[in-house]
Amino acid sequence: MMFRKSLAVLLSAGILLGGLVPAFAADSAPVSVKVNMARILRIDAPAATVIIGNPGVADVTIQDPQTLVLTGKSYGQTNLIILDGKGNPIADTMIQVTQDLADVVTVYMGSARQSYSCEPTCQSIIMMGDNSGFTGETLASSQTVASSANSN
């Protein structure tokens, strides 16, 4: 009888503590997100603080205590640490930000580089490493289109 009570207590403690097990394990594969894209991350315990090792690579916000939004800012790798309200770690994992190159065409003119997305037609896009003049013209063009759309 005592054994059954002990077993019941251990099982219910395991069930209760199971909710504290992080959604990410420190030794798990990196969480992947593409540059300029967002991804929803669900965690098993409420988060109070999120820390990104290199905010130039990725950004994370708390949507609600158990839902995070991860955004890829630049390709590379960084880490994500999630803490609960008491400062205890919920998760510590790597974030891998990748560039989707499926429909990208890169044009080299000497040392100047320009990138185009060719799905279904080729249009200029901004990628790290492109010629700064080309990047500036691409940004100016997109801002003109955006301001034209906002004025209507």
N, C-alpha and C. Protein backbone atom coordinates (compact mmCIF):
# COMPACT_ATOMS: atom_id res chain seq x y z
N MET A 1 0.83 -1.19 0.00
CA MET A 1 0.00 0.00 0.00
C MET A 1 0.89 1.26 0.00
N MET A 2 1.92 1.26 0.85
CA MET A 2 2.83 2.40 0.92
C MET A 2 3.56 2.58 -0.41
N PHE A 3 3.92 1.46 -1.05
CA PHE A 3 4.59 1.51 -2.35
C PHE A 3 3.71 2.18 -3.39
N ARG A 4 2.41 1.86 -3.40
CA ARG A 4 1.47 2.45 -4.36
C ARG A 4 1.33 3.95 -4.15
N LYS A 5 1.28 4.38 -2.87
CA LYS A 5 1.19 5.81 -2.59
C LYS A 5 2.46 6.52 -3.07
N SER A 6 3.61 5.92 -2.79
CA SER A 6 4.88 6.52 -3.22
C SER A 6 4.95 6.60 -4.74
N LEU A 7 4.50 5.53 -5.40
CA LEU A 7 4.50 5.51 -6.86
C LEU A 7 3.56 6.58 -7.40
N ALA A 8 2.39 6.72 -6.79
CA ALA A 8 1.42 7.73 -7.23
C ALA A 8 1.98 9.13 -7.05
N VAL A 9 2.65 9.37 -5.93
CA VAL A 9 3.26 10.69 -5.69
C VAL A 9 4.35 10.96 -6.72
N LEU A 10 5.21 9.96 -6.98
CA LEU A 10 6.28 10.14 -7.96
C LEU A 10 5.73 10.38 -9.36
N LEU A 11 4.70 9.64 -9.73
CA LEU A 11 4.11 9.81 -11.06
C LEU A 11 3.47 11.18 -11.20
N SER A 12 2.73 11.63 -10.17
CA SER A 12 2.10 12.94 -10.28
C SER A 12 3.15 14.04 -10.26
N ALA A 13 4.24 13.87 -9.51
CA ALA A 13 5.32 14.86 -9.53
C ALA A 13 5.97 14.91 -10.91
N GLY A 14 6.14 13.74 -11.52
CA GLY A 14 6.71 13.70 -12.88
C GLY A 14 5.81 14.40 -13.87
N ILE A 15 4.51 14.22 -13.72
CA ILE A 15 3.56 14.88 -14.63
C ILE A 15 3.61 16.38 -14.42
N LEU A 16 3.64 16.83 -13.16
CA LEU A 16 3.70 18.26 -12.88
C LEU A 16 5.01 18.87 -13.36
N LEU A 17 6.12 18.19 -13.10
CA LEU A 17 7.41 18.71 -13.52
C LEU A 17 7.59 18.60 -15.03
N GLY A 18 6.85 17.74 -15.67
CA GLY A 18 6.93 17.60 -17.12
C GLY A 18 6.60 18.89 -17.83
N GLY A 19 5.76 19.73 -17.22
CA GLY A 19 5.42 21.03 -17.80
C GLY A 19 6.58 22.00 -17.77
N LEU A 20 7.59 21.72 -16.93
CA LEU A 20 8.75 22.60 -16.83
C LEU A 20 9.86 22.22 -17.78
N VAL A 21 9.73 21.09 -18.43
CA VAL A 21 10.75 20.65 -19.37
C VAL A 21 10.76 21.62 -20.55
N PRO A 22 11.91 22.18 -20.91
CA PRO A 22 11.94 23.17 -21.99
C PRO A 22 11.58 22.57 -23.35
N ALA A 23 11.05 23.43 -24.20
CA ALA A 23 10.74 23.01 -25.56
C ALA A 23 12.03 22.79 -26.34
N PHE A 24 13.09 23.46 -25.93
CA PHE A 24 14.39 23.34 -26.60
C PHE A 24 15.36 22.69 -25.63
N ALA A 25 16.13 21.77 -26.10
CA ALA A 25 17.18 21.19 -25.28
C ALA A 25 18.50 21.82 -25.68
N ALA A 26 19.37 22.00 -24.72
CA ALA A 26 20.66 22.66 -24.99
C ALA A 26 21.47 21.90 -26.03
N ASP A 27 21.30 20.60 -26.09
CA ASP A 27 22.07 19.80 -27.03
C ASP A 27 21.29 19.49 -28.30
N SER A 28 20.16 20.15 -28.51
CA SER A 28 19.36 19.88 -29.71
C SER A 28 19.94 20.62 -30.90
N ALA A 29 19.43 20.27 -32.08
CA ALA A 29 19.86 20.93 -33.31
C ALA A 29 19.45 22.41 -33.25
N PRO A 30 20.19 23.28 -33.92
CA PRO A 30 19.84 24.70 -33.91
C PRO A 30 18.44 24.93 -34.49
N VAL A 31 17.77 25.95 -33.96
CA VAL A 31 16.50 26.38 -34.52
C VAL A 31 16.83 27.21 -35.75
N SER A 32 16.17 26.92 -36.85
CA SER A 32 16.49 27.58 -38.12
C SER A 32 15.39 28.54 -38.52
N VAL A 33 15.79 29.70 -39.03
CA VAL A 33 14.87 30.69 -39.58
C VAL A 33 15.58 31.36 -40.75
N LYS A 34 14.82 31.81 -41.74
CA LYS A 34 15.41 32.47 -42.91
C LYS A 34 15.52 33.97 -42.67
N VAL A 35 16.47 34.60 -43.34
CA VAL A 35 16.65 36.05 -43.26
C VAL A 35 15.35 36.72 -43.69
N ASN A 36 14.95 37.75 -42.97
CA ASN A 36 13.75 38.55 -43.25
C ASN A 36 12.45 37.77 -43.11
N MET A 37 12.50 36.66 -42.40
CA MET A 37 11.31 35.86 -42.15
C MET A 37 11.14 35.71 -40.64
N ALA A 38 9.91 35.41 -40.23
CA ALA A 38 9.61 35.19 -38.81
C ALA A 38 9.16 33.76 -38.60
N ARG A 39 9.32 33.29 -37.39
CA ARG A 39 8.92 31.93 -37.04
C ARG A 39 8.37 31.94 -35.62
N ILE A 40 7.30 31.19 -35.41
CA ILE A 40 6.68 31.07 -34.09
C ILE A 40 7.38 29.94 -33.33
N LEU A 41 7.75 30.22 -32.08
CA LEU A 41 8.34 29.21 -31.20
C LEU A 41 7.43 29.05 -29.99
N ARG A 42 7.03 27.84 -29.69
CA ARG A 42 6.21 27.56 -28.51
C ARG A 42 7.11 26.92 -27.45
N ILE A 43 6.94 27.37 -26.21
CA ILE A 43 7.72 26.83 -25.12
C ILE A 43 6.79 26.25 -24.07
N ASP A 44 7.32 25.35 -23.25
CA ASP A 44 6.51 24.63 -22.28
C ASP A 44 6.27 25.39 -20.98
N ALA A 45 7.08 26.39 -20.67
CA ALA A 45 6.93 27.16 -19.44
C ALA A 45 6.87 28.64 -19.80
N PRO A 46 6.19 29.45 -19.00
CA PRO A 46 6.07 30.88 -19.30
C PRO A 46 7.43 31.60 -19.26
N ALA A 47 7.70 32.37 -20.30
CA ALA A 47 8.95 33.14 -20.39
C ALA A 47 8.73 34.54 -19.85
N ALA A 48 9.72 35.04 -19.13
CA ALA A 48 9.69 36.42 -18.66
C ALA A 48 10.76 37.26 -19.36
N THR A 49 11.88 36.61 -19.72
CA THR A 49 13.00 37.30 -20.35
C THR A 49 13.54 36.45 -21.48
N VAL A 50 13.84 37.10 -22.61
CA VAL A 50 14.51 36.42 -23.71
C VAL A 50 15.77 37.20 -24.06
N ILE A 51 16.83 36.48 -24.34
CA ILE A 51 18.13 37.09 -24.64
C ILE A 51 18.65 36.49 -25.93
N ILE A 52 19.03 37.36 -26.88
CA ILE A 52 19.67 36.93 -28.12
C ILE A 52 21.13 37.34 -28.03
N GLY A 53 22.02 36.39 -28.27
CA GLY A 53 23.45 36.66 -28.20
C GLY A 53 23.90 37.77 -29.13
N ASN A 54 23.46 37.73 -30.39
CA ASN A 54 23.82 38.75 -31.37
C ASN A 54 22.54 39.28 -32.01
N PRO A 55 22.03 40.42 -31.53
CA PRO A 55 20.79 40.97 -32.08
C PRO A 55 20.89 41.41 -33.54
N GLY A 56 22.09 41.44 -34.10
CA GLY A 56 22.24 41.74 -35.52
C GLY A 56 21.89 40.55 -36.39
N VAL A 57 21.88 39.34 -35.82
CA VAL A 57 21.58 38.12 -36.56
C VAL A 57 20.11 37.76 -36.44
N ALA A 58 19.54 37.89 -35.24
CA ALA A 58 18.14 37.51 -35.03
C ALA A 58 17.53 38.38 -33.95
N ASP A 59 16.21 38.38 -33.91
CA ASP A 59 15.46 39.11 -32.89
C ASP A 59 14.37 38.18 -32.39
N VAL A 60 14.01 38.31 -31.14
CA VAL A 60 12.92 37.50 -30.59
C VAL A 60 12.07 38.38 -29.69
N THR A 61 10.77 38.20 -29.76
CA THR A 61 9.84 38.92 -28.90
C THR A 61 8.91 37.91 -28.25
N ILE A 62 8.39 38.29 -27.08
CA ILE A 62 7.44 37.45 -26.38
C ILE A 62 6.05 37.86 -26.84
N GLN A 63 5.36 36.99 -27.57
CA GLN A 63 4.00 37.25 -28.04
C GLN A 63 3.03 37.06 -26.88
N ASP A 64 3.16 35.96 -26.19
CA ASP A 64 2.47 35.69 -24.92
C ASP A 64 3.45 34.83 -24.12
N PRO A 65 3.21 34.56 -22.85
CA PRO A 65 4.23 33.90 -22.03
C PRO A 65 4.78 32.57 -22.59
N GLN A 66 4.03 31.90 -23.45
CA GLN A 66 4.53 30.63 -23.98
C GLN A 66 4.66 30.63 -25.50
N THR A 67 4.60 31.82 -26.10
CA THR A 67 4.76 31.95 -27.55
C THR A 67 5.76 33.06 -27.85
N LEU A 68 6.82 32.70 -28.57
CA LEU A 68 7.84 33.66 -28.97
C LEU A 68 7.81 33.82 -30.48
N VAL A 69 8.20 34.99 -30.96
CA VAL A 69 8.33 35.23 -32.39
C VAL A 69 9.81 35.49 -32.67
N LEU A 70 10.41 34.61 -33.46
CA LEU A 70 11.81 34.70 -33.83
C LEU A 70 11.90 35.25 -35.25
N THR A 71 12.71 36.29 -35.45
CA THR A 71 12.88 36.91 -36.76
C THR A 71 14.35 36.87 -37.16
N GLY A 72 14.62 36.36 -38.37
CA GLY A 72 15.97 36.34 -38.90
C GLY A 72 16.31 37.71 -39.49
N LYS A 73 17.41 38.30 -39.04
CA LYS A 73 17.80 39.62 -39.52
C LYS A 73 18.97 39.58 -40.49
N SER A 74 19.93 38.70 -40.25
CA SER A 74 21.09 38.57 -41.11
C SER A 74 21.59 37.15 -40.98
N TYR A 75 22.16 36.59 -42.05
CA TYR A 75 22.56 35.20 -41.95
C TYR A 75 23.72 35.04 -40.97
N GLY A 76 23.70 33.92 -40.28
CA GLY A 76 24.71 33.62 -39.29
C GLY A 76 24.13 32.77 -38.18
N GLN A 77 24.86 32.68 -37.07
CA GLN A 77 24.44 31.87 -35.95
C GLN A 77 24.59 32.66 -34.67
N THR A 78 23.66 32.49 -33.76
CA THR A 78 23.70 33.12 -32.45
C THR A 78 22.99 32.20 -31.47
N ASN A 79 22.90 32.60 -30.22
CA ASN A 79 22.19 31.77 -29.26
C ASN A 79 20.96 32.50 -28.71
N LEU A 80 20.02 31.72 -28.19
CA LEU A 80 18.80 32.23 -27.58
C LEU A 80 18.71 31.64 -26.19
N ILE A 81 18.55 32.52 -25.19
CA ILE A 81 18.36 32.09 -23.81
C ILE A 81 17.00 32.59 -23.37
N ILE A 82 16.21 31.71 -22.75
CA ILE A 82 14.88 32.06 -22.26
C ILE A 82 14.86 31.82 -20.76
N LEU A 83 14.43 32.85 -19.99
CA LEU A 83 14.37 32.75 -18.53
C LEU A 83 12.93 32.89 -18.05
N ASP A 84 12.61 32.23 -16.94
CA ASP A 84 11.28 32.38 -16.35
C ASP A 84 11.28 33.62 -15.44
N GLY A 85 10.17 33.85 -14.76
CA GLY A 85 10.02 35.03 -13.91
C GLY A 85 10.98 35.09 -12.74
N LYS A 86 11.54 33.96 -12.34
CA LYS A 86 12.51 33.92 -11.23
C LYS A 86 13.94 33.97 -11.73
N GLY A 87 14.14 34.07 -13.04
CA GLY A 87 15.48 34.11 -13.61
C GLY A 87 16.07 32.74 -13.88
N ASN A 88 15.26 31.70 -13.73
CA ASN A 88 15.74 30.34 -14.01
C ASN A 88 15.69 30.07 -15.50
N PRO A 89 16.70 29.40 -16.04
CA PRO A 89 16.70 29.12 -17.48
C PRO A 89 15.61 28.12 -17.88
N ILE A 90 14.89 28.48 -18.92
CA ILE A 90 13.90 27.58 -19.52
C ILE A 90 14.55 26.89 -20.71
N ALA A 91 15.33 27.65 -21.48
CA ALA A 91 15.98 27.09 -22.67
C ALA A 91 17.25 27.87 -22.98
N ASP A 92 18.17 27.20 -23.61
CA ASP A 92 19.41 27.80 -24.12
C ASP A 92 19.73 27.02 -25.39
N THR A 93 19.51 27.64 -26.52
CA THR A 93 19.66 26.93 -27.78
C THR A 93 20.32 27.83 -28.83
N MET A 94 20.81 27.21 -29.88
CA MET A 94 21.43 27.94 -30.98
C MET A 94 20.36 28.31 -32.01
N ILE A 95 20.55 29.46 -32.62
CA ILE A 95 19.68 29.95 -33.70
C ILE A 95 20.53 30.02 -34.96
N GLN A 96 20.07 29.41 -36.03
CA GLN A 96 20.75 29.43 -37.32
C GLN A 96 19.89 30.24 -38.28
N VAL A 97 20.41 31.36 -38.77
CA VAL A 97 19.69 32.19 -39.73
C VAL A 97 20.32 31.95 -41.10
N THR A 98 19.49 31.52 -42.04
CA THR A 98 19.97 31.17 -43.37
C THR A 98 19.36 32.08 -44.43
N GLN A 99 20.03 32.19 -45.54
CA GLN A 99 19.54 32.97 -46.68
C GLN A 99 18.92 32.02 -47.68
N ASP A 100 17.69 32.29 -48.10
CA ASP A 100 17.03 31.47 -49.12
C ASP A 100 17.55 31.89 -50.48
N LEU A 101 18.30 31.02 -51.11
CA LEU A 101 18.92 31.35 -52.40
C LEU A 101 18.28 30.60 -53.56
N ALA A 102 17.11 30.02 -53.36
CA ALA A 102 16.49 29.17 -54.38
C ALA A 102 16.30 29.90 -55.71
N ASP A 103 15.81 31.11 -55.70
CA ASP A 103 15.52 31.83 -56.94
C ASP A 103 16.37 33.10 -57.09
N VAL A 104 17.54 33.12 -56.45
CA VAL A 104 18.40 34.30 -56.49
C VAL A 104 19.47 34.13 -57.56
N VAL A 105 19.63 35.18 -58.36
CA VAL A 105 20.68 35.23 -59.37
C VAL A 105 21.64 36.34 -58.96
N THR A 106 22.92 36.04 -58.92
CA THR A 106 23.93 37.03 -58.57
C THR A 106 24.71 37.40 -59.82
N VAL A 107 24.82 38.71 -60.07
CA VAL A 107 25.53 39.23 -61.24
C VAL A 107 26.79 39.95 -60.75
N TYR A 108 27.93 39.56 -61.31
CA TYR A 108 29.20 40.20 -60.97
C TYR A 108 29.65 41.05 -62.13
N MET A 109 29.99 42.32 -61.84
CA MET A 109 30.56 43.24 -62.83
C MET A 109 31.86 43.75 -62.24
N GLY A 110 32.93 43.03 -62.53
CA GLY A 110 34.20 43.32 -61.86
C GLY A 110 34.07 42.95 -60.41
N SER A 111 34.33 43.90 -59.52
CA SER A 111 34.19 43.62 -58.09
C SER A 111 32.80 43.99 -57.56
N ALA A 112 31.97 44.61 -58.41
CA ALA A 112 30.61 44.99 -57.99
C ALA A 112 29.68 43.79 -58.14
N ARG A 113 28.83 43.62 -57.15
CA ARG A 113 27.90 42.50 -57.16
C ARG A 113 26.47 43.01 -57.01
N GLN A 114 25.55 42.40 -57.76
CA GLN A 114 24.13 42.73 -57.69
C GLN A 114 23.34 41.43 -57.58
N SER A 115 22.25 41.45 -56.80
CA SER A 115 21.44 40.25 -56.62
C SER A 115 20.02 40.49 -57.11
N TYR A 116 19.45 39.45 -57.68
CA TYR A 116 18.09 39.52 -58.22
C TYR A 116 17.31 38.29 -57.81
N SER A 117 16.05 38.50 -57.49
CA SER A 117 15.14 37.39 -57.24
C SER A 117 14.40 37.14 -58.53
N CYS A 118 14.47 35.94 -59.04
CA CYS A 118 13.92 35.63 -60.37
C CYS A 118 12.76 34.65 -60.27
N GLU A 119 11.71 35.03 -59.57
CA GLU A 119 10.54 34.18 -59.41
C GLU A 119 9.29 35.03 -59.51
N PRO A 120 8.55 35.15 -60.51
CA PRO A 120 8.72 34.55 -61.84
C PRO A 120 9.58 35.43 -62.76
N THR A 121 9.71 36.73 -62.45
CA THR A 121 10.60 37.59 -63.25
C THR A 121 11.69 38.15 -62.34
N CYS A 122 12.80 38.54 -62.91
CA CYS A 122 13.92 39.03 -62.11
C CYS A 122 13.67 40.46 -61.64
N GLN A 123 13.83 40.64 -60.31
CA GLN A 123 13.72 41.96 -59.69
C GLN A 123 14.88 42.11 -58.71
N SER A 124 15.40 43.33 -58.60
CA SER A 124 16.53 43.54 -57.71
C SER A 124 16.12 43.33 -56.26
N ILE A 125 17.04 42.72 -55.51
CA ILE A 125 16.86 42.53 -54.07
C ILE A 125 18.15 42.95 -53.37
N ILE A 126 18.06 43.15 -52.09
CA ILE A 126 19.23 43.55 -51.31
C ILE A 126 19.77 42.34 -50.57
N MET A 127 21.06 42.08 -50.77
CA MET A 127 21.73 41.00 -50.04
C MET A 127 23.05 41.54 -49.52
N MET A 128 23.47 41.03 -48.38
CA MET A 128 24.76 41.43 -47.84
C MET A 128 25.84 41.13 -48.86
N GLY A 129 26.72 42.09 -49.08
CA GLY A 129 27.81 41.90 -50.02
C GLY A 129 27.56 42.54 -51.37
N ASP A 130 26.31 43.00 -51.62
CA ASP A 130 26.02 43.67 -52.88
C ASP A 130 26.69 45.04 -52.91
N ASN A 131 26.93 45.56 -54.10
CA ASN A 131 27.49 46.89 -54.32
C ASN A 131 26.62 47.92 -53.61
N SER A 132 27.23 48.86 -52.88
CA SER A 132 26.46 49.84 -52.10
C SER A 132 25.63 50.76 -52.99
N GLY A 133 26.11 51.12 -54.19
CA GLY A 133 25.31 51.94 -55.10
C GLY A 133 24.05 51.21 -55.55
N PHE A 134 24.19 49.94 -55.88
CA PHE A 134 23.05 49.11 -56.28
C PHE A 134 22.07 48.98 -55.12
N THR A 135 22.59 48.77 -53.91
CA THR A 135 21.74 48.64 -52.73
C THR A 135 20.96 49.92 -52.49
N GLY A 136 21.64 51.06 -52.60
CA GLY A 136 20.98 52.36 -52.41
C GLY A 136 19.87 52.59 -53.42
N GLU A 137 20.13 52.26 -54.69
CA GLU A 137 19.11 52.42 -55.73
C GLU A 137 17.92 51.50 -55.48
N THR A 138 18.18 50.29 -55.03
CA THR A 138 17.11 49.33 -54.75
C THR A 138 16.26 49.81 -53.57
N LEU A 139 16.90 50.32 -52.53
CA LEU A 139 16.16 50.86 -51.38
C LEU A 139 15.32 52.06 -51.79
N ALA A 140 15.91 52.98 -52.57
CA ALA A 140 15.18 54.17 -53.01
C ALA A 140 13.96 53.78 -53.84
N SER A 141 14.12 52.80 -54.71
CA SER A 141 13.01 52.34 -55.53
C SER A 141 11.89 51.74 -54.68
N SER A 142 12.25 50.93 -53.71
CA SER A 142 11.23 50.31 -52.86
C SER A 142 10.54 51.35 -51.98
N GLN A 143 11.27 52.37 -51.54
CA GLN A 143 10.66 53.44 -50.73
C GLN A 143 9.71 54.28 -51.59
N THR A 144 10.04 54.51 -52.85
CA THR A 144 9.16 55.23 -53.75
C THR A 144 7.85 54.48 -53.95
N VAL A 145 7.95 53.16 -54.15
CA VAL A 145 6.75 52.35 -54.34
C VAL A 145 5.91 52.36 -53.06
N ALA A 146 6.56 52.22 -51.89
CA ALA A 146 5.84 52.22 -50.62
C ALA A 146 5.14 53.54 -50.35
N SER A 147 5.81 54.66 -50.61
CA SER A 147 5.19 55.97 -50.37
C SER A 147 4.06 56.22 -51.36
N SER A 148 4.19 55.74 -52.57
CA SER A 148 3.12 55.87 -53.57
C SER A 148 1.89 55.08 -53.12
N ALA A 149 2.11 53.91 -52.60
CA ALA A 149 0.99 53.07 -52.14
C ALA A 149 0.31 53.68 -50.91
N ASN A 150 1.10 54.33 -50.04
CA ASN A 150 0.55 54.95 -48.83
C ASN A 150 -0.20 56.23 -49.11
N SER A 151 0.09 56.88 -50.23
CA SER A 151 -0.57 58.17 -50.54
C SER A 151 -1.96 57.99 -51.13
N ASN A 152 -2.30 56.77 -51.52
CA ASN A 152 -3.64 56.53 -52.11
C ASN A 152 -4.66 56.26 -51.07
